[in-house]
């Protein structure tokens, strides 16, 4: 998991909603080593700044 810093608007929705507190903010988004792959960060990012396995993840609505 990584974040495209050129897209990130620093809203910190990912930080606030990570169930294991794996994501934190220090001038940019940083990650610890306890991710459980819930992918909440991917789904909550308003600008699709997250990358998973090197590819951008695009949200969709039903």
C-alpha atoms as a PDB file:
ATOM      1  CA  UNK A   1       0.000   0.000   0.000  1.00  0.00           C
ATOM      2  CA  UNK A   2       1.279   3.443  -0.847  1.00  0.00           C
ATOM      3  CA  UNK A   3      -0.025   6.965  -1.396  1.00  0.00           C
ATOM      4  CA  UNK A   4       0.501   9.189  -4.407  1.00  0.00           C
ATOM      5  CA  UNK A   5       1.550  12.372  -2.609  1.00  0.00           C
ATOM      6  CA  UNK A   6       0.739  14.502  -5.655  1.00  0.00           C
ATOM      7  CA  UNK A   7      -2.928  13.479  -5.330  1.00  0.00           C
ATOM      8  CA  UNK A   8      -3.280  13.365  -1.539  1.00  0.00           C
ATOM      9  CA  UNK A   9      -5.229  16.339  -0.147  1.00  0.00           C
ATOM     10  CA  UNK A  10      -4.251  15.516   3.472  1.00  0.00           C
ATOM     11  CA  UNK A  11      -7.849  15.074   4.618  1.00  0.00           C
ATOM     12  CA  UNK A  12      -6.673  12.278   6.961  1.00  0.00           C
ATOM     13  CA  UNK A  13      -9.826  10.181   6.503  1.00  0.00           C
ATOM     14  CA  UNK A  14      -7.553   7.166   6.156  1.00  0.00           C
ATOM     15  CA  UNK A  15      -5.808   7.977   9.454  1.00  0.00           C
ATOM     16  CA  UNK A  16      -9.088   8.423  11.344  1.00  0.00           C
ATOM     17  CA  UNK A  17     -10.680   5.248   9.976  1.00  0.00           C
ATOM     18  CA  UNK A  18      -7.834   2.735  10.123  1.00  0.00           C
ATOM     19  CA  UNK A  19      -8.987   0.065  12.621  1.00  0.00           C
ATOM     20  CA  UNK A  20      -5.435  -0.883  13.652  1.00  0.00           C
ATOM     21  CA  UNK A  21      -3.939   2.645  13.589  1.00  0.00           C
ATOM     22  CA  UNK A  22      -1.491   1.595  10.866  1.00  0.00           C
ATOM     23  CA  UNK A  23      -1.627   4.980   9.117  1.00  0.00           C
ATOM     24  CA  UNK A  24      -0.344   8.226  10.617  1.00  0.00           C
ATOM     25  CA  UNK A  25       0.402  11.716   9.395  1.00  0.00           C
ATOM     26  CA  UNK A  26       3.778  13.520   9.589  1.00  0.00           C
ATOM     27  CA  UNK A  27       3.695  16.166   6.841  1.00  0.00           C
ATOM     28  CA  UNK A  28       2.553  13.289   4.604  1.00  0.00           C
ATOM     29  CA  UNK A  29       0.842   9.931   5.078  1.00  0.00           C
ATOM     30  CA  UNK A  30       3.054   7.237   6.622  1.00  0.00           C
ATOM     31  CA  UNK A  31       2.475   3.558   7.363  1.00  0.00           C
ATOM     32  CA  UNK A  32       3.472   1.254  10.200  1.00  0.00           C
ATOM     33  CA  UNK A  33       3.821  -2.532   9.809  1.00  0.00           C
ATOM     34  CA  UNK A  34       0.508  -3.782  11.192  1.00  0.00           C
ATOM     35  CA  UNK A  35      -1.850  -3.448   8.203  1.00  0.00           C
ATOM     36  CA  UNK A  36      -4.623  -6.060   8.125  1.00  0.00           C
ATOM     37  CA  UNK A  37      -5.573  -5.321   4.493  1.00  0.00           C
ATOM     38  CA  UNK A  38      -9.096  -4.152   5.305  1.00  0.00           C
ATOM     39  CA  UNK A  39      -8.753  -1.594   2.475  1.00  0.00           C
ATOM     40  CA  UNK A  40     -10.817   1.056   4.237  1.00  0.00           C
ATOM     41  CA  UNK A  41      -8.210   3.624   3.262  1.00  0.00           C
ATOM     42  CA  UNK A  42      -8.712   2.767  -0.415  1.00  0.00           C
ATOM     43  CA  UNK A  43     -12.467   3.086  -0.194  1.00  0.00           C
ATOM     44  CA  UNK A  44     -12.519   6.283   1.871  1.00  0.00           C
ATOM     45  CA  UNK A  45      -9.962   8.339  -0.038  1.00  0.00           C
ATOM     46  CA  UNK A  46     -11.876  11.137  -1.819  1.00  0.00           C
ATOM     47  CA  UNK A  47      -9.185  11.590  -4.494  1.00  0.00           C
ATOM     48  CA  UNK A  48      -8.116   7.952  -5.043  1.00  0.00           C
ATOM     49  CA  UNK A  49      -4.555   8.690  -3.927  1.00  0.00           C
ATOM     50  CA  UNK A  50      -3.851   5.165  -2.683  1.00  0.00           C
ATOM     51  CA  UNK A  51      -1.971   2.600  -4.720  1.00  0.00           C
ATOM     52  CA  UNK A  52      -2.230  -1.124  -4.149  1.00  0.00           C
ATOM     53  CA  UNK A  53       0.403  -3.360  -5.740  1.00  0.00           C
ATOM     54  CA  UNK A  54       1.651  -0.347  -7.701  1.00  0.00           C
ATOM     55  CA  UNK A  55      -1.709   0.473  -9.291  1.00  0.00           C
ATOM     56  CA  UNK A  56      -4.219   3.185  -8.480  1.00  0.00           C
ATOM     57  CA  UNK A  57      -7.471   1.977  -7.030  1.00  0.00           C
ATOM     58  CA  UNK A  58     -10.585   3.656  -8.375  1.00  0.00           C
ATOM     59  CA  UNK A  59     -13.704   3.851  -6.267  1.00  0.00           C
ATOM     60  CA  UNK A  60     -16.986   2.800  -7.721  1.00  0.00           C
ATOM     61  CA  UNK A  61     -20.564   3.228  -6.623  1.00  0.00           C
ATOM     62  CA  UNK A  62     -23.418   0.803  -6.917  1.00  0.00           C
END
